[in-house]
Amino acid sequence: MSDLSETLAAAFADETDDEIAQTAADNIADFAEEYDEDLTSDRVTDLLADAPYDDFGRRFNWVIGELAAENEDCTDSRAFRIDGFGELAADPDIGT
């Protein structure tokens, strides 16, 4: 587990249950590893505080979308959302 993941899991635990907090923190760490190595926990928590929703899951998914929008290399942020691609999404491995 990365330092970013550990720090965010603790921060998210104040907002949701431990399992979701850990999943969200791991997803942010995966995003950072793949797209933004300089991403900080402060940046994530600041975005989360600015999110226009009340529910943690929706706020977190909004944060992922914002981070992806700031990074031109990330064209699909769904893999980093709380529920991943979701049950109605097309299989991301088909056609690749």
C-alpha atoms as a PDB file:
ATOM      1  CA  MET A   1       0.000   0.000   0.000  1.00  0.00           C
ATOM      2  CA  SER A   2       1.353   3.404  -0.952  1.00  0.00           C
ATOM      3  CA  ASP A   3       1.652   6.404   1.353  1.00  0.00           C
ATOM      4  CA  LEU A   4      -0.991   8.180  -0.742  1.00  0.00           C
ATOM      5  CA  SER A   5      -3.387   5.276  -0.337  1.00  0.00           C
ATOM      6  CA  GLU A   6      -2.822   5.066   3.430  1.00  0.00           C
ATOM      7  CA  THR A   7      -3.296   8.798   3.948  1.00  0.00           C
ATOM      8  CA  LEU A   8      -6.452   8.934   1.853  1.00  0.00           C
ATOM      9  CA  ALA A   9      -7.949   5.794   3.411  1.00  0.00           C
ATOM     10  CA  ALA A  10      -7.696   7.506   6.794  1.00  0.00           C
ATOM     11  CA  ALA A  11      -9.211  10.723   5.430  1.00  0.00           C
ATOM     12  CA  PHE A  12     -12.031   8.915   3.632  1.00  0.00           C
ATOM     13  CA  ALA A  13     -12.830   6.792   6.709  1.00  0.00           C
ATOM     14  CA  ASP A  14     -14.338   9.903   8.285  1.00  0.00           C
ATOM     15  CA  GLU A  15     -16.845  10.026   5.422  1.00  0.00           C
ATOM     16  CA  THR A  16     -17.744   6.417   4.659  1.00  0.00           C
ATOM     17  CA  ASP A  17     -17.203   2.857   5.845  1.00  0.00           C
ATOM     18  CA  ASP A  18     -13.697   1.399   5.947  1.00  0.00           C
ATOM     19  CA  GLU A  19     -14.119  -0.882   2.920  1.00  0.00           C
ATOM     20  CA  ILE A  20     -15.300   1.890   0.612  1.00  0.00           C
ATOM     21  CA  ALA A  21     -12.668   4.246   2.024  1.00  0.00           C
ATOM     22  CA  GLN A  22      -9.915   1.740   1.224  1.00  0.00           C
ATOM     23  CA  THR A  23     -11.283   1.058  -2.273  1.00  0.00           C
ATOM     24  CA  ALA A  24     -11.450   4.784  -3.002  1.00  0.00           C
ATOM     25  CA  ALA A  25      -7.937   5.360  -1.668  1.00  0.00           C
ATOM     26  CA  ASP A  26      -6.547   2.473  -3.708  1.00  0.00           C
ATOM     27  CA  ASN A  27      -8.275   3.791  -6.830  1.00  0.00           C
ATOM     28  CA  ILE A  28      -6.711   7.226  -6.341  1.00  0.00           C
ATOM     29  CA  ALA A  29      -3.297   5.617  -5.829  1.00  0.00           C
ATOM     30  CA  ASP A  30      -3.782   3.607  -9.038  1.00  0.00           C
ATOM     31  CA  PHE A  31      -4.775   6.764 -10.891  1.00  0.00           C
ATOM     32  CA  ALA A  32      -1.716   8.582  -9.560  1.00  0.00           C
ATOM     33  CA  GLU A  33       0.576   5.729 -10.537  1.00  0.00           C
ATOM     34  CA  GLU A  34      -0.793   5.622 -14.062  1.00  0.00           C
ATOM     35  CA  TYR A  35      -1.463   9.302 -14.818  1.00  0.00           C
ATOM     36  CA  ASP A  36      -0.230  11.752 -12.168  1.00  0.00           C
ATOM     37  CA  GLU A  37       2.753  10.764 -10.047  1.00  0.00           C
ATOM     38  CA  ASP A  38       2.769  14.200  -8.389  1.00  0.00           C
ATOM     39  CA  LEU A  39      -0.819  13.925  -7.107  1.00  0.00           C
ATOM     40  CA  THR A  40      -1.078  14.740  -3.404  1.00  0.00           C
ATOM     41  CA  SER A  41      -3.606  13.776  -0.778  1.00  0.00           C
ATOM     42  CA  ASP A  42      -4.249  17.480  -0.165  1.00  0.00           C
ATOM     43  CA  ARG A  43      -5.262  17.956  -3.799  1.00  0.00           C
ATOM     44  CA  VAL A  44      -7.682  15.038  -3.551  1.00  0.00           C
ATOM     45  CA  THR A  45      -9.231  16.124  -0.258  1.00  0.00           C
ATOM     46  CA  ASP A  46      -9.558  19.720  -1.511  1.00  0.00           C
ATOM     47  CA  LEU A  47     -11.417  18.488  -4.593  1.00  0.00           C
ATOM     48  CA  LEU A  48     -13.589  16.244  -2.443  1.00  0.00           C
ATOM     49  CA  ALA A  49     -14.530  19.220  -0.274  1.00  0.00           C
ATOM     50  CA  ASP A  50     -15.515  21.162  -3.423  1.00  0.00           C
ATOM     51  CA  ALA A  51     -17.573  18.341  -4.948  1.00  0.00           C
ATOM     52  CA  PRO A  52     -21.177  19.364  -5.653  1.00  0.00           C
ATOM     53  CA  TYR A  53     -22.784  16.285  -4.060  1.00  0.00           C
ATOM     54  CA  ASP A  54     -23.579  15.044  -0.561  1.00  0.00           C
ATOM     55  CA  ASP A  55     -23.064  11.285  -1.047  1.00  0.00           C
ATOM     56  CA  PHE A  56     -19.425  10.190  -0.700  1.00  0.00           C
ATOM     57  CA  GLY A  57     -19.581   7.858  -3.702  1.00  0.00           C
ATOM     58  CA  ARG A  58     -20.872  10.549  -6.028  1.00  0.00           C
ATOM     59  CA  ARG A  59     -18.402  13.084  -4.652  1.00  0.00           C
ATOM     60  CA  PHE A  60     -15.520  10.648  -5.097  1.00  0.00           C
ATOM     61  CA  ASN A  61     -16.534   9.825  -8.668  1.00  0.00           C
ATOM     62  CA  TRP A  62     -16.721  13.561  -9.404  1.00  0.00           C
ATOM     63  CA  VAL A  63     -13.164  13.949  -8.044  1.00  0.00           C
ATOM     64  CA  ILE A  64     -11.939  11.184 -10.347  1.00  0.00           C
ATOM     65  CA  GLY A  65     -13.603  12.924 -13.279  1.00  0.00           C
ATOM     66  CA  GLU A  66     -11.971  16.227 -12.381  1.00  0.00           C
ATOM     67  CA  LEU A  67      -8.542  14.616 -12.075  1.00  0.00           C
ATOM     68  CA  ALA A  68      -8.996  12.885 -15.415  1.00  0.00           C
ATOM     69  CA  ALA A  69     -10.099  16.138 -17.066  1.00  0.00           C
ATOM     70  CA  GLU A  70      -6.880  17.766 -15.859  1.00  0.00           C
ATOM     71  CA  ASN A  71      -4.817  15.012 -17.446  1.00  0.00           C
ATOM     72  CA  GLU A  72      -4.940  14.797 -21.226  1.00  0.00           C
ATOM     73  CA  ASP A  73      -3.614  11.224 -21.187  1.00  0.00           C
ATOM     74  CA  CYS A  74      -6.612   9.898 -19.213  1.00  0.00           C
ATOM     75  CA  THR A  75      -9.502   9.541 -21.615  1.00  0.00           C
ATOM     76  CA  ASP A  76     -11.644   7.200 -19.494  1.00  0.00           C
ATOM     77  CA  SER A  77     -11.772   7.549 -15.718  1.00  0.00           C
ATOM     78  CA  ARG A  78     -14.407   4.868 -15.099  1.00  0.00           C
ATOM     79  CA  ALA A  79     -11.867   2.258 -13.992  1.00  0.00           C
ATOM     80  CA  PHE A  80     -10.984   4.468 -11.028  1.00  0.00           C
ATOM     81  CA  ARG A  81     -14.531   5.109  -9.813  1.00  0.00           C
ATOM     82  CA  ILE A  82     -15.864   3.437  -6.675  1.00  0.00           C
ATOM     83  CA  ASP A  83     -17.804   0.841  -8.681  1.00  0.00           C
ATOM     84  CA  GLY A  84     -15.400   0.708 -11.595  1.00  0.00           C
ATOM     85  CA  PHE A  85     -17.009   0.580 -15.001  1.00  0.00           C
ATOM     86  CA  GLY A  86     -20.433  -0.356 -13.617  1.00  0.00           C
ATOM     87  CA  GLU A  87     -22.689  -3.195 -14.646  1.00  0.00           C
ATOM     88  CA  LEU A  88     -24.172  -1.393 -17.665  1.00  0.00           C
ATOM     89  CA  ALA A  89     -20.844  -0.427 -19.192  1.00  0.00           C
ATOM     90  CA  ALA A  90     -19.395  -2.171 -22.185  1.00  0.00           C
ATOM     91  CA  ASP A  91     -16.598  -4.603 -21.509  1.00  0.00           C
ATOM     92  CA  PRO A  92     -13.424  -2.460 -21.626  1.00  0.00           C
ATOM     93  CA  ASP A  93     -11.369  -5.389 -22.943  1.00  0.00           C
ATOM     94  CA  ILE A  94     -13.490  -5.979 -26.038  1.00  0.00           C
ATOM     95  CA  GLY A  95     -12.021  -4.378 -29.093  1.00  0.00           C
ATOM     96  CA  THR A  96      -8.594  -3.732 -27.657  1.00  0.00           C
END
